[in-house]
Amino acid sequence: MPQKIFGILVKHLLTKDRFLTHVDISKKLKRDKAKVSGYLEAMVDYGDLCVRKIGNSKAYFLNDRGKNEKPISPK
């Protein structure tokens, strides 16, 4: 799946849910967890998404601060 299409799908999913883990996203898109995780990390690096550590997993949010600002670092 091309990264641009993946990004559009993830943003659409995150407009419905406040946050999702990479497992949630991979189940909804029916894709491999490892590939989804890589795409999500790239989207965090580009500033499209923010990530927070919740328990043992990472929760991904839409970055509503704007692309030019740094994403929120995990806690």
PDB file of N, CA and C in Angstrom:
ATOM      1  N   MET A   1       0.847  -1.178   0.000  1.00  0.00           N
ATOM      2  CA  MET A   1       0.000   0.000   0.000  1.00  0.00           C
ATOM      3  C   MET A   1       0.888   1.235   0.000  1.00  0.00           C
ATOM      4  N   PRO A   2       0.715   2.143  -0.939  1.00  0.00           N
ATOM      5  CA  PRO A   2       1.530   3.356  -0.967  1.00  0.00           C
ATOM      6  C   PRO A   2       1.334   4.193   0.300  1.00  0.00           C
ATOM      7  N   GLN A   3       2.398   4.866   0.714  1.00  0.00           N
ATOM      8  CA  GLN A   3       2.374   5.605   1.972  1.00  0.00           C
ATOM      9  C   GLN A   3       1.327   6.718   1.968  1.00  0.00           C
ATOM     10  N   LYS A   4       1.112   7.365   0.835  1.00  0.00           N
ATOM     11  CA  LYS A   4       0.137   8.451   0.783  1.00  0.00           C
ATOM     12  C   LYS A   4      -1.275   7.933   1.063  1.00  0.00           C
ATOM     13  N   ILE A   5      -1.632   6.806   0.455  1.00  0.00           N
ATOM     14  CA  ILE A   5      -2.953   6.213   0.678  1.00  0.00           C
ATOM     15  C   ILE A   5      -3.079   5.750   2.129  1.00  0.00           C
ATOM     16  N   PHE A   6      -2.012   5.146   2.651  1.00  0.00           N
ATOM     17  CA  PHE A   6      -2.021   4.700   4.044  1.00  0.00           C
ATOM     18  C   PHE A   6      -2.257   5.888   4.975  1.00  0.00           C
ATOM     19  N   GLY A   7      -1.573   6.998   4.715  1.00  0.00           N
ATOM     20  CA  GLY A   7      -1.737   8.189   5.544  1.00  0.00           C
ATOM     21  C   GLY A   7      -3.159   8.709   5.535  1.00  0.00           C
ATOM     22  N   ILE A   8      -3.786   8.716   4.371  1.00  0.00           N
ATOM     23  CA  ILE A   8      -5.168   9.173   4.260  1.00  0.00           C
ATOM     24  C   ILE A   8      -6.091   8.260   5.063  1.00  0.00           C
ATOM     25  N   LEU A   9      -5.894   6.947   4.957  1.00  0.00           N
ATOM     26  CA  LEU A   9      -6.728   5.990   5.688  1.00  0.00           C
ATOM     27  C   LEU A   9      -6.557   6.130   7.205  1.00  0.00           C
ATOM     28  N   VAL A  10      -5.321   6.284   7.644  1.00  0.00           N
ATOM     29  CA  VAL A  10      -5.069   6.422   9.085  1.00  0.00           C
ATOM     30  C   VAL A  10      -5.693   7.710   9.611  1.00  0.00           C
ATOM     31  N   LYS A  11      -5.539   8.797   8.875  1.00  0.00           N
ATOM     32  CA  LYS A  11      -6.145  10.063   9.315  1.00  0.00           C
ATOM     33  C   LYS A  11      -7.662   9.944   9.392  1.00  0.00           C
ATOM     34  N   HIS A  12      -8.243   9.223   8.443  1.00  0.00           N
ATOM     35  CA  HIS A  12      -9.692   9.013   8.471  1.00  0.00           C
ATOM     36  C   HIS A  12     -10.101   8.200   9.702  1.00  0.00           C
ATOM     37  N   LEU A  13      -9.347   7.157  10.014  1.00  0.00           N
ATOM     38  CA  LEU A  13      -9.650   6.347  11.196  1.00  0.00           C
ATOM     39  C   LEU A  13      -9.533   7.173  12.475  1.00  0.00           C
ATOM     40  N   LEU A  14      -8.513   8.044  12.526  1.00  0.00           N
ATOM     41  CA  LEU A  14      -8.283   8.822  13.739  1.00  0.00           C
ATOM     42  C   LEU A  14      -9.251   9.994  13.881  1.00  0.00           C
ATOM     43  N   THR A  15      -9.971  10.346  12.827  1.00  0.00           N
ATOM     44  CA  THR A  15     -11.014  11.358  12.994  1.00  0.00           C
ATOM     45  C   THR A  15     -12.234  10.753  13.667  1.00  0.00           C
ATOM     46  N   LYS A  16     -12.415   9.442  13.516  1.00  0.00           N
ATOM     47  CA  LYS A  16     -13.539   8.755  14.165  1.00  0.00           C
ATOM     48  C   LYS A  16     -13.217   8.415  15.619  1.00  0.00           C
ATOM     49  N   ASP A  17     -11.995   7.969  15.878  1.00  0.00           N
ATOM     50  CA  ASP A  17     -11.549   7.613  17.230  1.00  0.00           C
ATOM     51  C   ASP A  17     -10.493   8.615  17.675  1.00  0.00           C
ATOM     52  N   ARG A  18     -10.513   8.967  18.951  1.00  0.00           N
ATOM     53  CA  ARG A  18      -9.542   9.946  19.459  1.00  0.00           C
ATOM     54  C   ARG A  18      -8.110   9.436  19.334  1.00  0.00           C
ATOM     55  N   PHE A  19      -7.888   8.175  19.628  1.00  0.00           N
ATOM     56  CA  PHE A  19      -6.565   7.569  19.478  1.00  0.00           C
ATOM     57  C   PHE A  19      -6.728   6.099  19.146  1.00  0.00           C
ATOM     58  N   LEU A  20      -5.679   5.535  18.552  1.00  0.00           N
ATOM     59  CA  LEU A  20      -5.643   4.111  18.222  1.00  0.00           C
ATOM     60  C   LEU A  20      -4.219   3.605  18.409  1.00  0.00           C
ATOM     61  N   THR A  21      -4.094   2.327  18.751  1.00  0.00           N
ATOM     62  CA  THR A  21      -2.774   1.698  18.794  1.00  0.00           C
ATOM     63  C   THR A  21      -2.463   1.125  17.415  1.00  0.00           C
ATOM     64  N   HIS A  22      -1.209   0.727  17.208  1.00  0.00           N
ATOM     65  CA  HIS A  22      -0.855   0.161  15.905  1.00  0.00           C
ATOM     66  C   HIS A  22      -1.585  -1.167  15.669  1.00  0.00           C
ATOM     67  N   VAL A  23      -1.904  -1.884  16.738  1.00  0.00           N
ATOM     68  CA  VAL A  23      -2.659  -3.136  16.603  1.00  0.00           C
ATOM     69  C   VAL A  23      -4.084  -2.836  16.131  1.00  0.00           C
ATOM     70  N   ASP A  24      -4.707  -1.815  16.719  1.00  0.00           N
ATOM     71  CA  ASP A  24      -6.061  -1.420  16.292  1.00  0.00           C
ATOM     72  C   ASP A  24      -6.073  -1.034  14.817  1.00  0.00           C
ATOM     73  N   ILE A  25      -5.100  -0.237  14.419  1.00  0.00           N
ATOM     74  CA  ILE A  25      -5.030   0.235  13.032  1.00  0.00           C
ATOM     75  C   ILE A  25      -4.770  -0.933  12.083  1.00  0.00           C
ATOM     76  N   SER A  26      -3.857  -1.837  12.462  1.00  0.00           N
ATOM     77  CA  SER A  26      -3.555  -2.969  11.582  1.00  0.00           C
ATOM     78  C   SER A  26      -4.769  -3.891  11.428  1.00  0.00           C
ATOM     79  N   LYS A  27      -5.562  -4.059  12.482  1.00  0.00           N
ATOM     80  CA  LYS A  27      -6.774  -4.879  12.384  1.00  0.00           C
ATOM     81  C   LYS A  27      -7.811  -4.217  11.483  1.00  0.00           C
ATOM     82  N   LYS A  28      -7.986  -2.909  11.626  1.00  0.00           N
ATOM     83  CA  LYS A  28      -8.992  -2.216  10.823  1.00  0.00           C
ATOM     84  C   LYS A  28      -8.608  -2.158   9.348  1.00  0.00           C
ATOM     85  N   LEU A  29      -7.298  -2.050   9.073  1.00  0.00           N
ATOM     86  CA  LEU A  29      -6.843  -1.986   7.684  1.00  0.00           C
ATOM     87  C   LEU A  29      -6.477  -3.354   7.120  1.00  0.00           C
ATOM     88  N   LYS A  30      -6.493  -4.376   7.981  1.00  0.00           N
ATOM     89  CA  LYS A  30      -6.132  -5.744   7.584  1.00  0.00           C
ATOM     90  C   LYS A  30      -4.745  -5.791   6.955  1.00  0.00           C
ATOM     91  N   ARG A  31      -3.779  -5.218   7.676  1.00  0.00           N
ATOM     92  CA  ARG A  31      -2.383  -5.173   7.228  1.00  0.00           C
ATOM     93  C   ARG A  31      -1.474  -5.728   8.318  1.00  0.00           C
ATOM     94  N   ASP A  32      -0.257  -6.056   7.931  1.00  0.00           N
ATOM     95  CA  ASP A  32       0.753  -6.585   8.841  1.00  0.00           C
ATOM     96  C   ASP A  32       1.116  -5.542   9.906  1.00  0.00           C
ATOM     97  N   LYS A  33       1.182  -5.981  11.177  1.00  0.00           N
ATOM     98  CA  LYS A  33       1.472  -5.062  12.280  1.00  0.00           C
ATOM     99  C   LYS A  33       2.832  -4.379  12.137  1.00  0.00           C
ATOM    100  N   ALA A  34       3.827  -5.110  11.667  1.00  0.00           N
ATOM    101  CA  ALA A  34       5.172  -4.547  11.539  1.00  0.00           C
ATOM    102  C   ALA A  34       5.197  -3.422  10.496  1.00  0.00           C
ATOM    103  N   LYS A  35       4.539  -3.637   9.364  1.00  0.00           N
ATOM    104  CA  LYS A  35       4.498  -2.597   8.331  1.00  0.00           C
ATOM    105  C   LYS A  35       3.708  -1.385   8.802  1.00  0.00           C
ATOM    106  N   VAL A  36       2.580  -1.631   9.461  1.00  0.00           N
ATOM    107  CA  VAL A  36       1.764  -0.533   9.979  1.00  0.00           C
ATOM    108  C   VAL A  36       2.571   0.286  10.978  1.00  0.00           C
ATOM    109  N   SER A  37       3.299  -0.395  11.843  1.00  0.00           N
ATOM    110  CA  SER A  37       4.113   0.288  12.835  1.00  0.00           C
ATOM    111  C   SER A  37       5.159   1.182  12.170  1.00  0.00           C
ATOM    112  N   GLY A  38       5.779   0.684  11.117  1.00  0.00           N
ATOM    113  CA  GLY A  38       6.767   1.471  10.385  1.00  0.00           C
ATOM    114  C   GLY A  38       6.148   2.698   9.731  1.00  0.00           C
ATOM    115  N   TYR A  39       4.995   2.530   9.108  1.00  0.00           N
ATOM    116  CA  TYR A  39       4.298   3.664   8.494  1.00  0.00           C
ATOM    117  C   TYR A  39       3.916   4.699   9.554  1.00  0.00           C
ATOM    118  N   LEU A  40       3.432   4.230  10.699  1.00  0.00           N
ATOM    119  CA  LEU A  40       3.027   5.154  11.754  1.00  0.00           C
ATOM    120  C   LEU A  40       4.208   5.946  12.289  1.00  0.00           C
ATOM    121  N   GLU A  41       5.340   5.277  12.477  1.00  0.00           N
ATOM    122  CA  GLU A  41       6.531   5.987  12.956  1.00  0.00           C
ATOM    123  C   GLU A  41       6.985   7.035  11.943  1.00  0.00           C
ATOM    124  N   ALA A  42       6.868   6.726  10.656  1.00  0.00           N
ATOM    125  CA  ALA A  42       7.209   7.707   9.622  1.00  0.00           C
ATOM    126  C   ALA A  42       6.258   8.902   9.688  1.00  0.00           C
ATOM    127  N   MET A  43       4.979   8.638   9.922  1.00  0.00           N
ATOM    128  CA  MET A  43       4.011   9.726  10.030  1.00  0.00           C
ATOM    129  C   MET A  43       4.277  10.594  11.258  1.00  0.00           C
ATOM    130  N   VAL A  44       4.769   9.982  12.339  1.00  0.00           N
ATOM    131  CA  VAL A  44       5.158  10.747  13.530  1.00  0.00           C
ATOM    132  C   VAL A  44       6.361  11.622  13.187  1.00  0.00           C
ATOM    133  N   ASP A  45       7.340  11.060  12.478  1.00  0.00           N
ATOM    134  CA  ASP A  45       8.527  11.819  12.088  1.00  0.00           C
ATOM    135  C   ASP A  45       8.179  13.009  11.194  1.00  0.00           C
ATOM    136  N   TYR A  46       7.195  12.843  10.321  1.00  0.00           N
ATOM    137  CA  TYR A  46       6.755  13.923   9.427  1.00  0.00           C
ATOM    138  C   TYR A  46       5.876  14.944  10.139  1.00  0.00           C
ATOM    139  N   GLY A  47       5.405  14.614  11.346  1.00  0.00           N
ATOM    140  CA  GLY A  47       4.575  15.542  12.098  1.00  0.00           C
ATOM    141  C   GLY A  47       3.090  15.391  11.845  1.00  0.00           C
ATOM    142  N   ASP A  48       2.681  14.345  11.137  1.00  0.00           N
ATOM    143  CA  ASP A  48       1.255  14.124  10.886  1.00  0.00           C
ATOM    144  C   ASP A  48       0.553  13.570  12.118  1.00  0.00           C
ATOM    145  N   LEU A  49       1.270  12.775  12.909  1.00  0.00           N
ATOM    146  CA  LEU A  49       0.701  12.135  14.093  1.00  0.00           C
ATOM    147  C   LEU A  49       1.538  12.451  15.317  1.00  0.00           C
ATOM    148  N   CYS A  50       0.911  12.326  16.480  1.00  0.00           N
ATOM    149  CA  CYS A  50       1.606  12.379  17.765  1.00  0.00           C
ATOM    150  C   CYS A  50       1.446  11.009  18.411  1.00  0.00           C
ATOM    151  N   VAL A  51       2.370  10.674  19.279  1.00  0.00           N
ATOM    152  CA  VAL A  51       2.330   9.362  19.923  1.00  0.00           C
ATOM    153  C   VAL A  51       2.532   9.532  21.424  1.00  0.00           C
ATOM    154  N   ARG A  52       1.816   8.733  22.201  1.00  0.00           N
ATOM    155  CA  ARG A  52       1.966   8.687  23.653  1.00  0.00           C
ATOM    156  C   ARG A  52       2.075   7.235  24.083  1.00  0.00           C
ATOM    157  N   LYS A  53       2.896   6.982  25.058  1.00  0.00           N
ATOM    158  CA  LYS A  53       3.033   5.640  25.612  1.00  0.00           C
ATOM    159  C   LYS A  53       1.955   5.445  26.666  1.00  0.00           C
ATOM    160  N   ILE A  54       1.104   4.444  26.458  1.00  0.00           N
ATOM    161  CA  ILE A  54       0.046   4.111  27.409  1.00  0.00           C
ATOM    162  C   ILE A  54       0.211   2.643  27.761  1.00  0.00           C
ATOM    163  N   GLY A  55       0.675   2.386  28.958  1.00  0.00           N
ATOM    164  CA  GLY A  55       0.948   1.002  29.364  1.00  0.00           C
ATOM    165  C   GLY A  55       2.070   0.426  28.524  1.00  0.00           C
ATOM    166  N   ASN A  56       1.832  -0.731  27.908  1.00  0.00           N
ATOM    167  CA  ASN A  56       2.845  -1.373  27.076  1.00  0.00           C
ATOM    168  C   ASN A  56       2.754  -0.982  25.612  1.00  0.00           C
ATOM    169  N   SER A  57       1.759  -0.197  25.244  1.00  0.00           N
ATOM    170  CA  SER A  57       1.582   0.139  23.829  1.00  0.00           C
ATOM    171  C   SER A  57       1.652   1.642  23.606  1.00  0.00           C
ATOM    172  N   LYS A  58       1.736   2.013  22.347  1.00  0.00           N
ATOM    173  CA  LYS A  58       1.758   3.411  21.954  1.00  0.00           C
ATOM    174  C   LYS A  58       0.400   3.779  21.375  1.00  0.00           C
ATOM    175  N   ALA A  59      -0.107   4.926  21.775  1.00  0.00           N
ATOM    176  CA  ALA A  59      -1.373   5.433  21.240  1.00  0.00           C
ATOM    177  C   ALA A  59      -1.044   6.555  20.264  1.00  0.00           C
ATOM    178  N   TYR A  60      -1.627   6.493  19.081  1.00  0.00           N
ATOM    179  CA  TYR A  60      -1.382   7.484  18.037  1.00  0.00           C
ATOM    180  C   TYR A  60      -2.573   8.424  17.937  1.00  0.00           C
ATOM    181  N   PHE A  61      -2.272   9.735  17.869  1.00  0.00           N
ATOM    182  CA  PHE A  61      -3.266  10.797  17.770  1.00  0.00           C
ATOM    183  C   PHE A  61      -2.980  11.615  16.528  1.00  0.00           C
ATOM    184  N   LEU A  62      -3.991  12.293  16.005  1.00  0.00           N
ATOM    185  CA  LEU A  62      -3.751  13.269  14.947  1.00  0.00           C
ATOM    186  C   LEU A  62      -3.022  14.460  15.551  1.00  0.00           C
ATOM    187  N   ASN A  63      -2.079  15.013  14.821  1.00  0.00           N
ATOM    188  CA  ASN A  63      -1.353  16.186  15.284  1.00  0.00           C
ATOM    189  C   ASN A  63      -2.163  17.417  14.896  1.00  0.00           C
ATOM    190  N   ASP A  64      -2.864  17.983  15.867  1.00  0.00           N
ATOM    191  CA  ASP A  64      -3.679  19.162  15.586  1.00  0.00           C
ATOM    192  C   ASP A  64      -2.907  20.455  15.798  1.00  0.00           C
ATOM    193  N   ARG A  65      -1.623  20.365  16.116  1.00  0.00           N
ATOM    194  CA  ARG A  65      -0.795  21.541  16.338  1.00  0.00           C
ATOM    195  C   ARG A  65      -0.228  22.116  15.056  1.00  0.00           C
ATOM    196  N   GLY A  66      -0.290  21.368  13.991  1.00  0.00           N
ATOM    197  CA  GLY A  66       0.295  21.832  12.730  1.00  0.00           C
ATOM    198  C   GLY A  66       1.548  21.056  12.409  1.00  0.00           C
ATOM    199  N   LYS A  67       1.840  20.918  11.136  1.00  0.00           N
ATOM    200  CA  LYS A  67       2.972  20.097  10.710  1.00  0.00           C
ATOM    201  C   LYS A  67       4.326  20.684  11.110  1.00  0.00           C
ATOM    202  N   ASN A  68       4.417  21.985  11.260  1.00  0.00           N
ATOM    203  CA  ASN A  68       5.717  22.606  11.520  1.00  0.00           C
ATOM    204  C   ASN A  68       6.158  22.488  12.966  1.00  0.00           C
ATOM    205  N   GLU A  69       5.235  22.161  13.855  1.00  0.00           N
ATOM    206  CA  GLU A  69       5.602  22.017  15.254  1.00  0.00           C
ATOM    207  C   GLU A  69       6.057  20.593  15.531  1.00  0.00           C
ATOM    208  N   LYS A  70       6.894  20.449  16.536  1.00  0.00           N
ATOM    209  CA  LYS A  70       7.406  19.133  16.914  1.00  0.00           C
ATOM    210  C   LYS A  70       6.275  18.290  17.514  1.00  0.00           C
ATOM    211  N   PRO A  71       6.235  16.979  17.206  1.00  0.00           N
ATOM    212  CA  PRO A  71       5.229  16.116  17.813  1.00  0.00           C
ATOM    213  C   PRO A  71       5.493  15.969  19.318  1.00  0.00           C
ATOM    214  N   ILE A  72       4.460  15.618  20.053  1.00  0.00           N
ATOM    215  CA  ILE A  72       4.580  15.414  21.486  1.00  0.00           C
ATOM    216  C   ILE A  72       5.430  14.182  21.734  1.00  0.00           C
ATOM    217  N   SER A  73       6.399  14.311  22.607  1.00  0.00           N
ATOM    218  CA  SER A  73       7.271  13.163  22.874  1.00  0.00           C
ATOM    219  C   SER A  73       6.567  12.182  23.797  1.00  0.00           C
ATOM    220  N   PRO A  74       6.880  10.881  23.646  1.00  0.00           N
ATOM    221  CA  PRO A  74       6.248   9.868  24.500  1.00  0.00           C
ATOM    222  C   PRO A  74       6.675  10.033  25.950  1.00  0.00           C
ATOM    223  N   LYS A  75       5.765   9.701  26.862  1.00  0.00           N
ATOM    224  CA  LYS A  75       6.073   9.800  28.300  1.00  0.00           C
ATOM    225  C   LYS A  75       6.096   8.447  28.924  1.00  0.00           C
TER     226      LYS A  75
END
